[in-house]
PDB file of all heavy atoms in Angstrom:
ATOM      1  N   LYS A   1     -15.651  17.331 -12.853  1.00  0.00           N
ATOM      2  CA  LYS A   1     -14.407  16.895 -12.309  1.00  0.00           C
ATOM      3  C   LYS A   1     -13.235  17.280 -13.115  1.00  0.00           C
ATOM      4  O   LYS A   1     -13.449  17.767 -14.303  1.00  0.00           O
ATOM      5  CB  LYS A   1     -14.444  15.273 -12.261  1.00  0.00           C
ATOM      6  CG  LYS A   1     -15.475  14.757 -11.269  1.00  0.00           C
ATOM      7  CD  LYS A   1     -15.245  13.237 -11.126  1.00  0.00           C
ATOM      8  CE  LYS A   1     -16.277  12.583 -10.158  1.00  0.00           C
ATOM      9  NZ  LYS A   1     -16.117  11.162 -10.063  1.00  0.00           N
ATOM     10  N   GLN A   2     -12.175  17.155 -12.518  1.00  0.00           N
ATOM     11  CA  GLN A   2     -10.858  17.642 -13.302  1.00  0.00           C
ATOM     12  C   GLN A   2     -10.504  16.593 -14.336  1.00  0.00           C
ATOM     13  O   GLN A   2     -10.611  15.368 -14.146  1.00  0.00           O
ATOM     14  CB  GLN A   2      -9.723  17.808 -12.219  1.00  0.00           C
ATOM     15  CG  GLN A   2      -8.487  18.493 -12.758  1.00  0.00           C
ATOM     16  CD  GLN A   2      -7.506  18.796 -11.581  1.00  0.00           C
ATOM     17  OE1 GLN A   2      -7.682  18.324 -10.486  1.00  0.00           O
ATOM     18  NE2 GLN A   2      -6.566  19.677 -11.973  1.00  0.00           N
ATOM     19  N   ARG A   3      -9.887  16.988 -15.292  1.00  0.00           N
ATOM     20  CA  ARG A   3      -9.300  16.042 -16.323  1.00  0.00           C
ATOM     21  C   ARG A   3      -8.253  15.244 -15.746  1.00  0.00           C
ATOM     22  O   ARG A   3      -7.457  15.766 -14.998  1.00  0.00           O
ATOM     23  CB  ARG A   3      -8.837  16.971 -17.580  1.00  0.00           C
ATOM     24  CG  ARG A   3      -8.223  16.036 -18.690  1.00  0.00           C
ATOM     25  CD  ARG A   3      -7.738  16.947 -19.740  1.00  0.00           C
ATOM     26  NE  ARG A   3      -6.599  17.703 -19.267  1.00  0.00           N
ATOM     27  CZ  ARG A   3      -6.072  18.801 -19.977  1.00  0.00           C
ATOM     28  NH1 ARG A   3      -6.515  19.098 -21.143  1.00  0.00           N
ATOM     29  NH2 ARG A   3      -5.058  19.479 -19.448  1.00  0.00           N
ATOM     30  N   GLU A   4      -8.189  13.967 -16.050  1.00  0.00           N
ATOM     31  CA  GLU A   4      -7.265  13.128 -15.509  1.00  0.00           C
ATOM     32  C   GLU A   4      -6.654  12.333 -16.533  1.00  0.00           C
ATOM     33  O   GLU A   4      -7.283  11.864 -17.583  1.00  0.00           O
ATOM     34  CB  GLU A   4      -7.860  12.178 -14.441  1.00  0.00           C
ATOM     35  CG  GLU A   4      -8.901  11.199 -14.969  1.00  0.00           C
ATOM     36  CD  GLU A   4      -9.254  10.199 -14.012  1.00  0.00           C
ATOM     37  OE1 GLU A   4      -8.451  10.005 -12.999  1.00  0.00           O
ATOM     38  OE2 GLU A   4     -10.423   9.685 -14.055  1.00  0.00           O
ATOM     39  N   LEU A   5      -5.296  12.074 -16.315  1.00  0.00           N
ATOM     40  CA  LEU A   5      -4.565  11.180 -17.273  1.00  0.00           C
ATOM     41  C   LEU A   5      -4.898   9.711 -16.965  1.00  0.00           C
ATOM     42  O   LEU A   5      -4.893   9.235 -15.900  1.00  0.00           O
ATOM     43  CB  LEU A   5      -3.027  11.326 -17.027  1.00  0.00           C
ATOM     44  CG  LEU A   5      -2.141  10.564 -17.831  1.00  0.00           C
ATOM     45  CD1 LEU A   5      -2.261  10.642 -19.339  1.00  0.00           C
ATOM     46  CD2 LEU A   5      -0.679  10.742 -17.414  1.00  0.00           C
ATOM     47  N   VAL A   6      -5.341   9.085 -18.046  1.00  0.00           N
ATOM     48  CA  VAL A   6      -5.731   7.595 -17.940  1.00  0.00           C
ATOM     49  C   VAL A   6      -4.559   6.616 -18.315  1.00  0.00           C
ATOM     50  O   VAL A   6      -4.303   5.775 -17.527  1.00  0.00           O
ATOM     51  CB  VAL A   6      -6.896   7.299 -18.898  1.00  0.00           C
ATOM     52  CG1 VAL A   6      -7.224   5.889 -18.875  1.00  0.00           C
ATOM     53  CG2 VAL A   6      -8.116   8.182 -18.495  1.00  0.00           C
ATOM     54  N   ALA A   7      -3.892   6.904 -19.450  1.00  0.00           N
ATOM     55  CA  ALA A   7      -2.876   5.979 -19.844  1.00  0.00           C
ATOM     56  C   ALA A   7      -2.000   6.756 -20.824  1.00  0.00           C
ATOM     57  O   ALA A   7      -2.450   7.644 -21.518  1.00  0.00           O
ATOM     58  CB  ALA A   7      -3.531   4.844 -20.512  1.00  0.00           C
ATOM     59  N   THR A   8      -0.659   6.334 -20.861  1.00  0.00           N
ATOM     60  CA  THR A   8       0.280   6.746 -21.812  1.00  0.00           C
ATOM     61  C   THR A   8       1.083   5.701 -22.436  1.00  0.00           C
ATOM     62  O   THR A   8       1.418   4.746 -21.778  1.00  0.00           O
ATOM     63  CB  THR A   8       1.162   7.820 -21.023  1.00  0.00           C
ATOM     64  OG1 THR A   8       0.519   8.802 -20.428  1.00  0.00           O
ATOM     65  CG2 THR A   8       2.313   8.310 -22.015  1.00  0.00           C
ATOM     66  N   VAL A   9       1.342   5.848 -23.680  1.00  0.00           N
ATOM     67  CA  VAL A   9       2.353   5.038 -24.381  1.00  0.00           C
ATOM     68  C   VAL A   9       3.407   5.897 -24.916  1.00  0.00           C
ATOM     69  O   VAL A   9       3.117   6.815 -25.747  1.00  0.00           O
ATOM     70  CB  VAL A   9       1.642   4.094 -25.446  1.00  0.00           C
ATOM     71  CG1 VAL A   9       0.938   4.920 -26.484  1.00  0.00           C
ATOM     72  CG2 VAL A   9       2.658   3.226 -26.030  1.00  0.00           C
ATOM     73  N   PHE A  10       4.718   5.538 -24.602  1.00  0.00           N
ATOM     74  CA  PHE A  10       5.820   6.319 -25.031  1.00  0.00           C
ATOM     75  C   PHE A  10       6.273   5.918 -26.365  1.00  0.00           C
ATOM     76  O   PHE A  10       5.808   4.929 -26.954  1.00  0.00           O
ATOM     77  CB  PHE A  10       6.840   6.310 -23.906  1.00  0.00           C
ATOM     78  CG  PHE A  10       6.426   6.907 -22.567  1.00  0.00           C
ATOM     79  CD1 PHE A  10       5.829   6.109 -21.635  1.00  0.00           C
ATOM     80  CD2 PHE A  10       6.626   8.224 -22.288  1.00  0.00           C
ATOM     81  CE1 PHE A  10       5.397   6.628 -20.436  1.00  0.00           C
ATOM     82  CE2 PHE A  10       6.264   8.809 -21.141  1.00  0.00           C
ATOM     83  CZ  PHE A  10       5.535   8.002 -20.176  1.00  0.00           C
ATOM     84  N   THR A  11       7.266   6.711 -26.826  1.00  0.00           N
ATOM     85  CA  THR A  11       7.706   6.430 -28.174  1.00  0.00           C
ATOM     86  C   THR A  11       8.324   5.029 -28.271  1.00  0.00           C
ATOM     87  O   THR A  11       8.288   4.354 -29.441  1.00  0.00           O
ATOM     88  CB  THR A  11       8.761   7.473 -28.674  1.00  0.00           C
ATOM     89  OG1 THR A  11       9.800   7.547 -27.714  1.00  0.00           O
ATOM     90  CG2 THR A  11       8.000   8.774 -28.770  1.00  0.00           C
ATOM     91  N   GLY A  12       8.980   4.552 -27.271  1.00  0.00           N
ATOM     92  CA  GLY A  12       9.506   3.215 -27.294  1.00  0.00           C
ATOM     93  C   GLY A  12       8.649   2.110 -27.039  1.00  0.00           C
ATOM     94  O   GLY A  12       9.058   0.931 -26.926  1.00  0.00           O
ATOM     95  N   GLY A  13       7.372   2.390 -26.695  1.00  0.00           N
ATOM     96  CA  GLY A  13       6.383   1.351 -26.424  1.00  0.00           C
ATOM     97  C   GLY A  13       6.071   1.174 -24.910  1.00  0.00           C
ATOM     98  O   GLY A  13       5.089   0.436 -24.588  1.00  0.00           O
ATOM     99  N   ALA A  14       6.781   1.778 -24.096  1.00  0.00           N
ATOM    100  CA  ALA A  14       6.455   1.558 -22.594  1.00  0.00           C
ATOM    101  C   ALA A  14       5.088   2.334 -22.267  1.00  0.00           C
ATOM    102  O   ALA A  14       4.759   3.260 -23.000  1.00  0.00           O
ATOM    103  CB  ALA A  14       7.524   2.182 -21.829  1.00  0.00           C
ATOM    104  N   THR A  15       4.386   1.717 -21.350  1.00  0.00           N
ATOM    105  CA  THR A  15       3.097   2.353 -21.045  1.00  0.00           C
ATOM    106  C   THR A  15       3.042   2.531 -19.504  1.00  0.00           C
ATOM    107  O   THR A  15       3.677   1.914 -18.702  1.00  0.00           O
ATOM    108  CB  THR A  15       2.019   1.212 -21.368  1.00  0.00           C
ATOM    109  OG1 THR A  15       2.273   0.045 -20.769  1.00  0.00           O
ATOM    110  CG2 THR A  15       1.991   1.053 -22.850  1.00  0.00           C
ATOM    111  N   THR A  16       2.174   3.397 -19.197  1.00  0.00           N
ATOM    112  CA  THR A  16       1.802   3.801 -17.838  1.00  0.00           C
ATOM    113  C   THR A  16       0.214   3.968 -17.707  1.00  0.00           C
ATOM    114  O   THR A  16      -0.388   4.233 -18.678  1.00  0.00           O
ATOM    115  CB  THR A  16       2.383   4.984 -17.291  1.00  0.00           C
ATOM    116  OG1 THR A  16       2.117   6.211 -18.091  1.00  0.00           O
ATOM    117  CG2 THR A  16       3.997   4.890 -17.336  1.00  0.00           C
ATOM    118  N   TYR A  17      -0.297   3.728 -16.565  1.00  0.00           N
ATOM    119  CA  TYR A  17      -1.670   3.747 -16.409  1.00  0.00           C
ATOM    120  C   TYR A  17      -2.075   4.354 -14.994  1.00  0.00           C
ATOM    121  O   TYR A  17      -1.292   4.295 -14.051  1.00  0.00           O
ATOM    122  CB  TYR A  17      -2.413   2.381 -16.305  1.00  0.00           C
ATOM    123  CG  TYR A  17      -2.105   1.595 -17.647  1.00  0.00           C
ATOM    124  CD1 TYR A  17      -1.030   0.702 -17.789  1.00  0.00           C
ATOM    125  CD2 TYR A  17      -3.112   1.734 -18.627  1.00  0.00           C
ATOM    126  CE1 TYR A  17      -0.918   0.061 -19.001  1.00  0.00           C
ATOM    127  CE2 TYR A  17      -3.000   1.064 -19.839  1.00  0.00           C
ATOM    128  CZ  TYR A  17      -1.781   0.223 -19.968  1.00  0.00           C
ATOM    129  OH  TYR A  17      -1.671  -0.434 -21.166  1.00  0.00           O
ATOM    130  N   ALA A  18      -3.125   5.026 -15.063  1.00  0.00           N
ATOM    131  CA  ALA A  18      -3.772   5.522 -13.688  1.00  0.00           C
ATOM    132  C   ALA A  18      -4.086   4.256 -12.849  1.00  0.00           C
ATOM    133  O   ALA A  18      -4.523   3.191 -13.393  1.00  0.00           O
ATOM    134  CB  ALA A  18      -4.967   6.358 -13.952  1.00  0.00           C
ATOM    135  N   ASP A  19      -3.990   4.437 -11.500  1.00  0.00           N
ATOM    136  CA  ASP A  19      -4.283   3.337 -10.699  1.00  0.00           C
ATOM    137  C   ASP A  19      -5.658   2.765 -10.905  1.00  0.00           C
ATOM    138  O   ASP A  19      -5.980   1.666 -10.720  1.00  0.00           O
ATOM    139  CB  ASP A  19      -3.968   3.730  -9.231  1.00  0.00           C
ATOM    140  CG  ASP A  19      -2.568   3.792  -8.874  1.00  0.00           C
ATOM    141  OD1 ASP A  19      -1.688   3.236  -9.611  1.00  0.00           O
ATOM    142  OD2 ASP A  19      -2.266   4.413  -7.894  1.00  0.00           O
ATOM    143  N   SER A  20      -6.611   3.705 -11.178  1.00  0.00           N
ATOM    144  CA  SER A  20      -8.027   3.371 -11.286  1.00  0.00           C
ATOM    145  C   SER A  20      -8.291   2.511 -12.414  1.00  0.00           C
ATOM    146  O   SER A  20      -9.350   1.836 -12.411  1.00  0.00           O
ATOM    147  CB  SER A  20      -8.893   4.681 -11.358  1.00  0.00           C
ATOM    148  OG  SER A  20      -8.493   5.455 -12.452  1.00  0.00           O
ATOM    149  N   VAL A  21      -7.418   2.411 -13.370  1.00  0.00           N
ATOM    150  CA  VAL A  21      -7.725   1.578 -14.540  1.00  0.00           C
ATOM    151  C   VAL A  21      -6.683   0.479 -14.821  1.00  0.00           C
ATOM    152  O   VAL A  21      -6.845  -0.315 -15.747  1.00  0.00           O
ATOM    153  CB  VAL A  21      -7.738   2.416 -15.824  1.00  0.00           C
ATOM    154  CG1 VAL A  21      -8.740   3.599 -15.685  1.00  0.00           C
ATOM    155  CG2 VAL A  21      -6.348   2.918 -16.260  1.00  0.00           C
ATOM    156  N   LYS A  22      -5.691   0.319 -13.926  1.00  0.00           N
ATOM    157  CA  LYS A  22      -4.781  -0.826 -14.064  1.00  0.00           C
ATOM    158  C   LYS A  22      -5.406  -2.093 -13.905  1.00  0.00           C
ATOM    159  O   LYS A  22      -6.379  -2.369 -13.130  1.00  0.00           O
ATOM    160  CB  LYS A  22      -3.721  -0.705 -12.928  1.00  0.00           C
ATOM    161  CG  LYS A  22      -2.709   0.497 -13.256  1.00  0.00           C
ATOM    162  CD  LYS A  22      -1.690   0.432 -12.039  1.00  0.00           C
ATOM    163  CE  LYS A  22      -0.592   1.553 -12.171  1.00  0.00           C
ATOM    164  NZ  LYS A  22       0.366   1.625 -11.097  1.00  0.00           N
ATOM    165  N   GLY A  23      -5.022  -2.902 -14.946  1.00  0.00           N
ATOM    166  CA  GLY A  23      -5.677  -4.312 -15.115  1.00  0.00           C
ATOM    167  C   GLY A  23      -6.876  -4.349 -15.776  1.00  0.00           C
ATOM    168  O   GLY A  23      -7.354  -5.441 -16.211  1.00  0.00           O
ATOM    169  N   ARG A  24      -7.420  -3.204 -16.186  1.00  0.00           N
ATOM    170  CA  ARG A  24      -8.680  -3.138 -16.969  1.00  0.00           C
ATOM    171  C   ARG A  24      -8.529  -2.523 -18.318  1.00  0.00           C
ATOM    172  O   ARG A  24      -9.170  -2.904 -19.317  1.00  0.00           O
ATOM    173  CB  ARG A  24      -9.684  -2.463 -16.214  1.00  0.00           C
ATOM    174  CG  ARG A  24     -10.105  -3.015 -14.868  1.00  0.00           C
ATOM    175  CD  ARG A  24     -11.312  -2.364 -14.230  1.00  0.00           C
ATOM    176  NE  ARG A  24     -11.154  -0.925 -13.984  1.00  0.00           N
ATOM    177  CZ  ARG A  24     -11.858   0.024 -14.509  1.00  0.00           C
ATOM    178  NH1 ARG A  24     -12.766  -0.265 -15.347  1.00  0.00           N
ATOM    179  NH2 ARG A  24     -11.533   1.267 -14.297  1.00  0.00           N
ATOM    180  N   PHE A  25      -7.701  -1.547 -18.406  1.00  0.00           N
ATOM    181  CA  PHE A  25      -7.414  -0.730 -19.687  1.00  0.00           C
ATOM    182  C   PHE A  25      -6.069  -1.116 -20.240  1.00  0.00           C
ATOM    183  O   PHE A  25      -5.144  -1.453 -19.528  1.00  0.00           O
ATOM    184  CB  PHE A  25      -7.569   0.664 -19.483  1.00  0.00           C
ATOM    185  CG  PHE A  25      -8.800   1.205 -19.166  1.00  0.00           C
ATOM    186  CD1 PHE A  25      -9.953   0.342 -18.855  1.00  0.00           C
ATOM    187  CD2 PHE A  25      -9.065   2.635 -19.148  1.00  0.00           C
ATOM    188  CE1 PHE A  25     -11.091   0.961 -18.514  1.00  0.00           C
ATOM    189  CE2 PHE A  25     -10.278   3.136 -18.809  1.00  0.00           C
ATOM    190  CZ  PHE A  25     -11.343   2.260 -18.425  1.00  0.00           C
TER     191      PHE A  25
END
């Protein structure tokens, strides 16, 4: 499978998540 982005935390502390892991990671 292709590499996928799971989660990111930015320099200011904001975070983003892949839909597949939201609420779990």
